[in-house]
């Protein structure tokens, strides 16, 4: 079953994102840049990531959130 949500307030959307299994286990989640900008706003999103000590990357039209606080090492 797929979980499609449409929210008019950013708080519940942010809670939903960071309660994902991958986020809870220190994994990686990704979201569309356009969707983040529309549903939450870029500044609010960056602040939420920063408050958790996570890393936020952008590749093309996707945000990649690394949901742990370990150092990030770029290999190539």
C-alpha atoms as a PDB file:
ATOM      1  CA  UNK A   1       0.000   0.000   0.000  1.00  0.00           C
ATOM      2  CA  UNK A   2       1.398   3.384  -0.977  1.00  0.00           C
ATOM      3  CA  UNK A   3       1.076   6.314   1.409  1.00  0.00           C
ATOM      4  CA  UNK A   4       0.068   9.444  -0.538  1.00  0.00           C
ATOM      5  CA  UNK A   5      -0.349  12.529   1.626  1.00  0.00           C
ATOM      6  CA  UNK A   6      -1.191  16.086   0.779  1.00  0.00           C
ATOM      7  CA  UNK A   7      -0.633  18.592   3.545  1.00  0.00           C
ATOM      8  CA  UNK A   8      -1.289  22.294   3.797  1.00  0.00           C
ATOM      9  CA  UNK A   9       0.993  22.787   6.815  1.00  0.00           C
ATOM     10  CA  UNK A  10       4.698  21.898   6.827  1.00  0.00           C
ATOM     11  CA  UNK A  11       4.857  20.459  10.365  1.00  0.00           C
ATOM     12  CA  UNK A  12       3.027  17.190   9.692  1.00  0.00           C
ATOM     13  CA  UNK A  13       4.899  16.706   6.395  1.00  0.00           C
ATOM     14  CA  UNK A  14       8.258  17.123   8.156  1.00  0.00           C
ATOM     15  CA  UNK A  15       7.199  14.744  10.941  1.00  0.00           C
ATOM     16  CA  UNK A  16       6.121  12.193   8.329  1.00  0.00           C
ATOM     17  CA  UNK A  17       9.433  12.461   6.446  1.00  0.00           C
ATOM     18  CA  UNK A  18      11.655  12.049   9.487  1.00  0.00           C
ATOM     19  CA  UNK A  19       9.562   9.227  10.937  1.00  0.00           C
ATOM     20  CA  UNK A  20      10.296   7.075   7.855  1.00  0.00           C
ATOM     21  CA  UNK A  21      12.037   3.800   8.671  1.00  0.00           C
ATOM     22  CA  UNK A  22      15.171   4.833   6.741  1.00  0.00           C
ATOM     23  CA  UNK A  23      15.407   8.107   8.659  1.00  0.00           C
ATOM     24  CA  UNK A  24      14.887   6.382  12.008  1.00  0.00           C
ATOM     25  CA  UNK A  25      17.600   3.825  11.245  1.00  0.00           C
ATOM     26  CA  UNK A  26      20.177   6.418  10.170  1.00  0.00           C
ATOM     27  CA  UNK A  27      19.719   5.746   6.478  1.00  0.00           C
ATOM     28  CA  UNK A  28      19.082   7.909   3.456  1.00  0.00           C
ATOM     29  CA  UNK A  29      15.833   9.440   2.226  1.00  0.00           C
ATOM     30  CA  UNK A  30      15.224  11.534  -0.849  1.00  0.00           C
ATOM     31  CA  UNK A  31      12.580  13.993  -1.895  1.00  0.00           C
ATOM     32  CA  UNK A  32      11.874  16.082  -4.969  1.00  0.00           C
ATOM     33  CA  UNK A  33      13.249  19.631  -4.733  1.00  0.00           C
ATOM     34  CA  UNK A  34      10.043  21.006  -6.267  1.00  0.00           C
ATOM     35  CA  UNK A  35       7.885  19.136  -3.783  1.00  0.00           C
ATOM     36  CA  UNK A  36       9.936  20.344  -0.803  1.00  0.00           C
ATOM     37  CA  UNK A  37       9.747  23.928  -2.026  1.00  0.00           C
ATOM     38  CA  UNK A  38       5.987  23.667  -2.546  1.00  0.00           C
ATOM     39  CA  UNK A  39       5.048  21.801   0.654  1.00  0.00           C
ATOM     40  CA  UNK A  40       7.569  23.061   3.211  1.00  0.00           C
ATOM     41  CA  UNK A  41       9.775  25.781   1.785  1.00  0.00           C
ATOM     42  CA  UNK A  42      13.514  25.450   1.337  1.00  0.00           C
ATOM     43  CA  UNK A  43      14.590  27.474   4.382  1.00  0.00           C
ATOM     44  CA  UNK A  44      12.316  25.583   6.780  1.00  0.00           C
ATOM     45  CA  UNK A  45      13.462  22.271   5.318  1.00  0.00           C
ATOM     46  CA  UNK A  46      17.149  23.141   5.653  1.00  0.00           C
ATOM     47  CA  UNK A  47      16.590  24.211   9.256  1.00  0.00           C
ATOM     48  CA  UNK A  48      14.836  20.927  10.107  1.00  0.00           C
ATOM     49  CA  UNK A  49      17.716  18.933   8.621  1.00  0.00           C
ATOM     50  CA  UNK A  50      20.271  21.112  10.440  1.00  0.00           C
ATOM     51  CA  UNK A  51      18.465  20.745  13.802  1.00  0.00           C
ATOM     52  CA  UNK A  52      18.751  16.972  13.543  1.00  0.00           C
ATOM     53  CA  UNK A  53      22.437  17.102  12.661  1.00  0.00           C
ATOM     54  CA  UNK A  54      21.796  15.413   9.310  1.00  0.00           C
ATOM     55  CA  UNK A  55      23.326  16.208   5.906  1.00  0.00           C
ATOM     56  CA  UNK A  56      21.416  17.562   2.918  1.00  0.00           C
ATOM     57  CA  UNK A  57      22.668  17.070  -0.629  1.00  0.00           C
ATOM     58  CA  UNK A  58      21.103  18.024  -3.939  1.00  0.00           C
ATOM     59  CA  UNK A  59      21.517  16.174  -7.199  1.00  0.00           C
ATOM     60  CA  UNK A  60      19.454  17.399 -10.099  1.00  0.00           C
ATOM     61  CA  UNK A  61      15.854  17.670  -8.979  1.00  0.00           C
ATOM     62  CA  UNK A  62      16.289  15.545  -5.835  1.00  0.00           C
ATOM     63  CA  UNK A  63      17.293  16.265  -2.259  1.00  0.00           C
ATOM     64  CA  UNK A  64      19.201  13.470  -0.561  1.00  0.00           C
ATOM     65  CA  UNK A  65      19.068  13.509   3.221  1.00  0.00           C
ATOM     66  CA  UNK A  66      21.664  11.465   5.076  1.00  0.00           C
ATOM     67  CA  UNK A  67      19.930  10.783   8.377  1.00  0.00           C
ATOM     68  CA  UNK A  68      22.837  10.321  10.723  1.00  0.00           C
ATOM     69  CA  UNK A  69      25.480  12.495  12.333  1.00  0.00           C
ATOM     70  CA  UNK A  70      28.575  10.591  11.304  1.00  0.00           C
ATOM     71  CA  UNK A  71      31.203  12.421   9.244  1.00  0.00           C
ATOM     72  CA  UNK A  72      30.615  12.490   5.514  1.00  0.00           C
ATOM     73  CA  UNK A  73      33.450  11.339   3.267  1.00  0.00           C
ATOM     74  CA  UNK A  74      33.305  12.050  -0.459  1.00  0.00           C
ATOM     75  CA  UNK A  75      35.131   9.256  -2.280  1.00  0.00           C
ATOM     76  CA  UNK A  76      35.045  10.493  -5.886  1.00  0.00           C
END
